[in-house]
Amino acid sequence: MTTATTDADTAAVRRAIAGTERPPRPGPLQTALTFGWRGMLKVKHVPEQLLDVTVTPVMFLLMFTYLFGGAIAGSTSAYLDYTLPGLLVMSVLFTTVYSGVALNTDLTKGVVDRFRSLPIWRPAPLLGSLLGDSVRYVVAGTVIIVVGVLLGFRPDAGVSGAVAALALVVVFSFGLSWAFSVLGLLLRSPNAVMNAGFMGIFPLTFLSNVFVDPATLPGPLQVFVDVNPISILATASRSLMAGEPDVPAILVSLAVAAALALVFLPITTRLYRSR
């Protein structure tokens, strides 16, 4: 091939590129939704990722209902009516830990560096990842409710009450996931993020009204359980399923979710830019 031919080909390529209209730059929302879809594609290619939001919640539901239900409430059916809304809260909140784990995995594998090189809205990968994780929260909550119905649970408010309770828990979990995203950017490995996350979420969940009525607890512990945000969220979830919404508990849960996002979102964004 002669030099003249090569120069002609290069010139033709340049003319073709120059004559092609540049596609419009994607907006922030479109970019965030694209990264959210990326999270869904990861589940499609590795469906084992859904084990933590399907098998684990069912295991907790069966174990606590049939091992402890008779001893705590006198019958498994009575205990199921009490604990299922709380287990809905627990199962979805546990899933939020994996938001930090997934972010740390992208960071340690160099994927985040590739995202930074793209001409996109900077927080889009973060927001999109958490939006994708919200689908996992819906799956985890739906599994708990469906299995509960199969076991005999019947929410007095019907489908609308169950959907409202699930929506409230998902909103709260979205706010909490920003806190675990901070862990994902601060710690050095996915295992460290998972261990630290569960060390924080486990005590708050078990020192709540998810499993037992606070009235049966010692005085000081009862005070802590009553002000625990997870207890308040469980109370709000129970009230929505019962068809008697506890407005103060609902408002407090939404306020805590907003506060978590307002505090940890800027921290996450700043760490993401500097790591």
Protein backbone atom coordinates (compact mmCIF):
# COMPACT_ATOMS: atom_id res chain seq x y z
CA MET A 1 0.00 0.00 0.00
CA THR A 2 1.47 3.35 -1.05
CA THR A 3 1.76 6.43 1.10
CA ALA A 4 -0.64 8.29 -1.17
CA THR A 5 -3.33 5.64 -0.68
CA THR A 6 -2.89 5.75 3.08
CA ASP A 7 -3.19 9.53 3.11
CA ALA A 8 -6.32 9.35 0.98
CA ASP A 9 -7.93 6.82 3.31
CA THR A 10 -7.07 8.95 6.35
CA ALA A 11 -8.55 12.02 4.70
CA ALA A 12 -11.74 10.08 3.84
CA VAL A 13 -12.12 8.92 7.43
CA ARG A 14 -11.68 12.46 8.72
CA ARG A 15 -14.30 13.80 6.30
CA ALA A 16 -16.73 11.09 7.38
CA ILE A 17 -16.21 11.91 11.03
CA ALA A 18 -16.43 15.64 10.49
CA GLY A 19 -19.63 15.27 8.47
CA THR A 20 -21.40 13.18 11.09
CA GLU A 21 -23.54 15.00 13.61
CA ARG A 22 -22.32 14.48 17.15
CA PRO A 23 -24.92 12.68 19.28
CA PRO A 24 -26.40 14.76 22.11
CA ARG A 25 -24.73 14.42 25.48
CA PRO A 26 -26.89 12.33 27.85
CA GLY A 27 -28.53 14.19 30.72
CA PRO A 28 -28.05 13.38 34.41
CA LEU A 29 -31.27 11.37 34.71
CA GLN A 30 -30.63 9.35 31.57
CA THR A 31 -27.08 8.59 32.69
CA ALA A 32 -28.17 7.54 36.18
CA LEU A 33 -30.85 5.24 34.75
CA THR A 34 -28.26 3.70 32.44
CA PHE A 35 -26.05 2.83 35.41
CA GLY A 36 -29.11 1.50 37.22
CA TRP A 37 -29.74 -0.79 34.25
CA ARG A 38 -26.11 -1.89 34.52
CA GLY A 39 -26.92 -3.24 37.98
CA MET A 40 -29.85 -5.19 36.55
CA LEU A 41 -27.64 -6.66 33.84
CA LYS A 42 -25.19 -7.88 36.48
CA VAL A 43 -28.02 -9.80 38.12
CA LYS A 44 -29.06 -11.17 34.72
CA HIS A 45 -25.60 -12.58 34.05
CA VAL A 46 -24.98 -13.68 37.66
CA PRO A 47 -28.42 -14.60 39.06
CA GLU A 48 -26.78 -16.04 42.19
CA GLN A 49 -26.64 -12.42 43.41
CA LEU A 50 -30.35 -12.68 44.20
CA LEU A 51 -29.80 -15.47 46.74
CA ASP A 52 -29.24 -12.92 49.50
CA VAL A 53 -32.60 -11.25 48.81
CA THR A 54 -34.62 -14.44 48.31
CA VAL A 55 -33.29 -17.38 50.32
CA THR A 56 -32.09 -15.44 53.37
CA PRO A 57 -35.38 -13.60 54.06
CA VAL A 58 -37.36 -16.82 53.73
CA MET A 59 -34.97 -18.59 56.09
CA PHE A 60 -35.40 -15.87 58.73
CA LEU A 61 -39.17 -15.90 58.35
CA LEU A 62 -39.50 -19.65 58.73
CA MET A 63 -36.97 -19.90 61.53
CA PHE A 64 -38.40 -17.17 63.76
CA THR A 65 -42.03 -18.03 63.08
CA TYR A 66 -41.84 -21.77 63.74
CA LEU A 67 -39.00 -21.91 66.27
CA PHE A 68 -39.94 -18.96 68.48
CA GLY A 69 -43.52 -18.09 67.53
CA GLY A 70 -45.20 -20.47 69.96
CA ALA A 71 -42.96 -19.48 72.86
CA ILE A 72 -43.29 -15.74 72.31
CA ALA A 73 -46.88 -15.25 71.14
CA GLY A 74 -48.55 -18.55 72.09
CA SER A 75 -49.09 -19.61 68.48
CA THR A 76 -47.23 -19.37 65.20
CA SER A 77 -50.14 -17.65 63.46
CA ALA A 78 -50.35 -14.89 66.07
CA TYR A 79 -46.61 -14.37 65.98
CA LEU A 80 -46.59 -14.31 62.16
CA ASP A 81 -49.11 -11.45 62.21
CA TYR A 82 -46.84 -9.51 64.57
CA THR A 83 -43.41 -10.25 63.17
CA LEU A 84 -43.89 -10.31 59.40
CA PRO A 85 -43.94 -6.50 58.99
CA GLY A 86 -40.81 -6.37 61.15
CA LEU A 87 -39.10 -9.10 59.13
CA LEU A 88 -39.97 -7.12 56.02
CA VAL A 89 -38.01 -4.22 57.50
CA MET A 90 -35.10 -6.40 58.60
CA SER A 91 -34.74 -8.27 55.31
CA VAL A 92 -34.70 -5.14 53.17
CA LEU A 93 -32.36 -3.23 55.49
CA PHE A 94 -29.88 -6.11 55.47
CA THR A 95 -29.80 -5.86 51.69
CA THR A 96 -28.57 -2.25 51.86
CA VAL A 97 -25.18 -3.46 53.07
CA TYR A 98 -24.51 -4.88 49.62
CA SER A 99 -24.72 -1.38 48.11
CA GLY A 100 -21.45 -0.57 49.83
CA VAL A 101 -19.99 -3.96 48.92
CA ALA A 102 -20.79 -3.48 45.21
CA LEU A 103 -19.32 0.03 45.20
CA ASN A 104 -16.14 -1.17 46.90
CA THR A 105 -15.85 -4.00 44.36
CA ASP A 106 -16.01 -1.51 41.49
CA LEU A 107 -13.46 0.66 43.23
CA THR A 108 -10.93 -2.09 43.92
CA LYS A 109 -11.24 -3.53 40.38
CA GLY A 110 -10.62 -0.18 38.70
CA VAL A 111 -14.12 0.17 37.25
CA VAL A 112 -14.61 3.51 39.00
CA ASP A 113 -11.52 4.90 37.24
CA ARG A 114 -13.11 4.04 33.90
CA PHE A 115 -16.32 5.79 34.88
CA ARG A 116 -14.39 8.94 35.81
CA SER A 117 -12.93 9.11 32.31
CA LEU A 118 -16.39 9.29 30.73
CA PRO A 119 -17.97 12.68 29.82
CA ILE A 120 -20.95 12.15 32.10
CA TRP A 121 -22.51 13.68 35.18
CA ARG A 122 -20.10 12.74 37.99
CA PRO A 123 -22.58 11.36 40.58
CA ALA A 124 -24.43 9.30 37.92
CA PRO A 125 -22.63 5.98 38.66
CA LEU A 126 -23.37 6.36 42.38
CA LEU A 127 -27.02 7.33 41.98
CA GLY A 128 -27.60 4.76 39.25
CA SER A 129 -26.09 1.99 41.34
CA LEU A 130 -28.36 2.78 44.28
CA LEU A 131 -31.40 3.05 42.03
CA GLY A 132 -30.58 -0.42 40.71
CA ASP A 133 -30.20 -1.67 44.26
CA SER A 134 -33.70 -0.38 45.02
CA VAL A 135 -35.01 -3.07 42.69
CA ARG A 136 -33.28 -5.63 44.91
CA TYR A 137 -35.05 -4.08 47.92
CA VAL A 138 -38.41 -4.50 46.18
CA VAL A 139 -37.58 -8.13 45.37
CA ALA A 140 -36.55 -8.88 48.97
CA GLY A 141 -39.70 -7.27 50.37
CA THR A 142 -41.98 -8.96 47.85
CA VAL A 143 -40.53 -12.38 48.66
CA ILE A 144 -41.20 -11.88 52.38
CA ILE A 145 -44.79 -10.75 51.82
CA VAL A 146 -45.61 -13.52 49.36
CA VAL A 147 -44.16 -16.25 51.58
CA GLY A 148 -45.98 -14.75 54.57
CA VAL A 149 -49.28 -14.91 52.68
CA LEU A 150 -48.58 -18.54 51.80
CA LEU A 151 -48.02 -19.23 55.51
CA GLY A 152 -51.34 -17.63 56.44
CA PHE A 153 -50.56 -13.93 56.93
CA ARG A 154 -53.43 -11.68 55.89
CA PRO A 155 -52.88 -7.90 56.12
CA ASP A 156 -56.09 -6.16 57.17
CA ALA A 157 -55.43 -3.38 54.66
CA GLY A 158 -55.07 -5.87 51.83
CA VAL A 159 -52.75 -5.45 48.89
CA SER A 160 -52.69 -1.66 49.15
CA GLY A 161 -51.48 -1.79 52.75
CA ALA A 162 -48.74 -4.27 51.92
CA VAL A 163 -47.60 -2.18 48.95
CA ALA A 164 -47.59 0.99 51.06
CA ALA A 165 -45.50 -0.69 53.77
CA LEU A 166 -43.05 -2.02 51.18
CA ALA A 167 -42.76 1.42 49.56
CA LEU A 168 -41.98 3.04 52.90
CA VAL A 169 -39.31 0.45 53.70
CA VAL A 170 -37.70 0.87 50.26
CA VAL A 171 -37.55 4.66 50.68
CA PHE A 172 -35.93 4.27 54.10
CA SER A 173 -33.48 1.72 52.70
CA PHE A 174 -32.50 4.06 49.86
CA GLY A 175 -31.53 6.69 52.43
CA LEU A 176 -29.63 4.15 54.52
CA SER A 177 -27.75 2.82 51.50
CA TRP A 178 -25.87 6.14 51.26
CA ALA A 179 -24.33 5.43 54.66
CA PHE A 180 -23.07 2.04 53.49
CA SER A 181 -21.77 3.66 50.31
CA VAL A 182 -19.49 5.75 52.51
CA LEU A 183 -18.17 2.53 54.05
CA GLY A 184 -17.65 1.14 50.58
CA LEU A 185 -15.43 4.09 49.69
CA LEU A 186 -13.50 4.18 52.97
CA LEU A 187 -12.65 0.51 53.55
CA ARG A 188 -10.14 -1.50 51.57
CA SER A 189 -12.00 -4.66 50.60
CA PRO A 190 -15.56 -5.90 49.98
CA ASN A 191 -15.29 -8.32 52.93
CA ALA A 192 -14.37 -5.46 55.26
CA VAL A 193 -17.39 -3.49 54.06
CA MET A 194 -19.70 -6.45 54.60
CA ASN A 195 -18.38 -7.18 58.08
CA ALA A 196 -18.52 -3.55 59.19
CA GLY A 197 -21.98 -3.09 57.71
CA PHE A 198 -23.51 -6.08 59.44
CA MET A 199 -21.77 -5.17 62.70
CA GLY A 200 -23.71 -1.93 62.58
CA ILE A 201 -27.08 -3.14 61.30
CA PHE A 202 -27.37 -6.34 63.36
CA PRO A 203 -27.50 -4.75 66.85
CA LEU A 204 -29.93 -2.04 65.73
CA THR A 205 -32.22 -4.63 64.16
CA PHE A 206 -32.28 -7.10 67.04
CA LEU A 207 -32.55 -4.32 69.65
CA SER A 208 -35.85 -3.24 68.15
CA ASN A 209 -39.51 -4.26 68.16
CA VAL A 210 -39.09 -6.45 65.08
CA PHE A 211 -39.33 -9.69 67.08
CA VAL A 212 -40.82 -8.84 70.49
CA ASP A 213 -43.12 -6.28 72.05
CA PRO A 214 -40.98 -3.65 73.83
CA ALA A 215 -43.33 -3.82 76.83
CA THR A 216 -41.77 -7.20 77.72
CA LEU A 217 -38.22 -5.76 77.89
CA PRO A 218 -36.34 -4.29 80.88
CA GLY A 219 -36.81 -0.56 81.44
CA PRO A 220 -33.54 0.88 80.02
CA LEU A 221 -33.62 -1.45 77.02
CA GLN A 222 -37.25 -0.59 76.38
CA VAL A 223 -36.36 3.11 76.22
CA PHE A 224 -33.69 2.44 73.59
CA VAL A 225 -35.99 0.19 71.56
CA ASP A 226 -38.74 2.81 71.55
CA VAL A 227 -36.49 5.46 70.01
CA ASN A 228 -34.65 3.11 67.66
CA PRO A 229 -35.43 4.26 64.07
CA ILE A 230 -35.79 0.63 62.98
CA SER A 231 -38.46 0.11 65.66
CA ILE A 232 -40.29 3.20 64.42
CA LEU A 233 -40.09 1.94 60.83
CA ALA A 234 -41.42 -1.48 61.89
CA THR A 235 -44.29 0.22 63.75
CA ALA A 236 -45.11 2.28 60.67
CA SER A 237 -45.02 -0.86 58.50
CA ARG A 238 -47.36 -2.72 60.86
CA SER A 239 -49.78 0.19 60.96
CA LEU A 240 -49.95 0.41 57.15
CA MET A 241 -50.60 -3.32 56.82
CA ALA A 242 -53.23 -3.13 59.55
CA GLY A 243 -55.07 -0.34 57.74
CA GLU A 244 -54.56 2.10 60.63
CA PRO A 245 -51.61 4.29 59.53
CA ASP A 246 -49.48 5.57 62.40
CA VAL A 247 -48.84 9.02 60.93
CA PRO A 248 -46.14 10.10 63.44
CA ALA A 249 -44.17 6.88 62.89
CA ILE A 250 -44.47 7.24 59.10
CA LEU A 251 -43.31 10.86 59.18
CA VAL A 252 -40.39 10.04 61.48
CA SER A 253 -39.30 7.19 59.17
CA LEU A 254 -39.42 9.48 56.13
CA ALA A 255 -37.54 12.20 58.04
CA VAL A 256 -34.80 9.76 59.08
CA ALA A 257 -34.48 8.53 55.49
CA ALA A 258 -34.16 12.13 54.24
CA ALA A 259 -31.63 12.97 56.96
CA LEU A 260 -29.49 9.94 56.09
CA ALA A 261 -29.45 10.94 52.43
CA LEU A 262 -28.72 14.60 53.18
CA VAL A 263 -25.82 13.71 55.48
CA PHE A 264 -24.19 10.86 53.60
CA LEU A 265 -24.88 11.76 49.96
CA PRO A 266 -22.46 14.74 49.93
CA ILE A 267 -19.85 12.70 51.82
CA THR A 268 -20.18 9.83 49.35
CA THR A 269 -19.90 12.18 46.37
CA ARG A 270 -16.79 13.87 47.77
CA LEU A 271 -15.10 10.56 48.56
CA TYR A 272 -16.01 9.21 45.14
CA ARG A 273 -14.28 12.13 43.45
CA SER A 274 -11.14 11.89 45.59
CA ARG A 275 -10.59 8.10 45.66
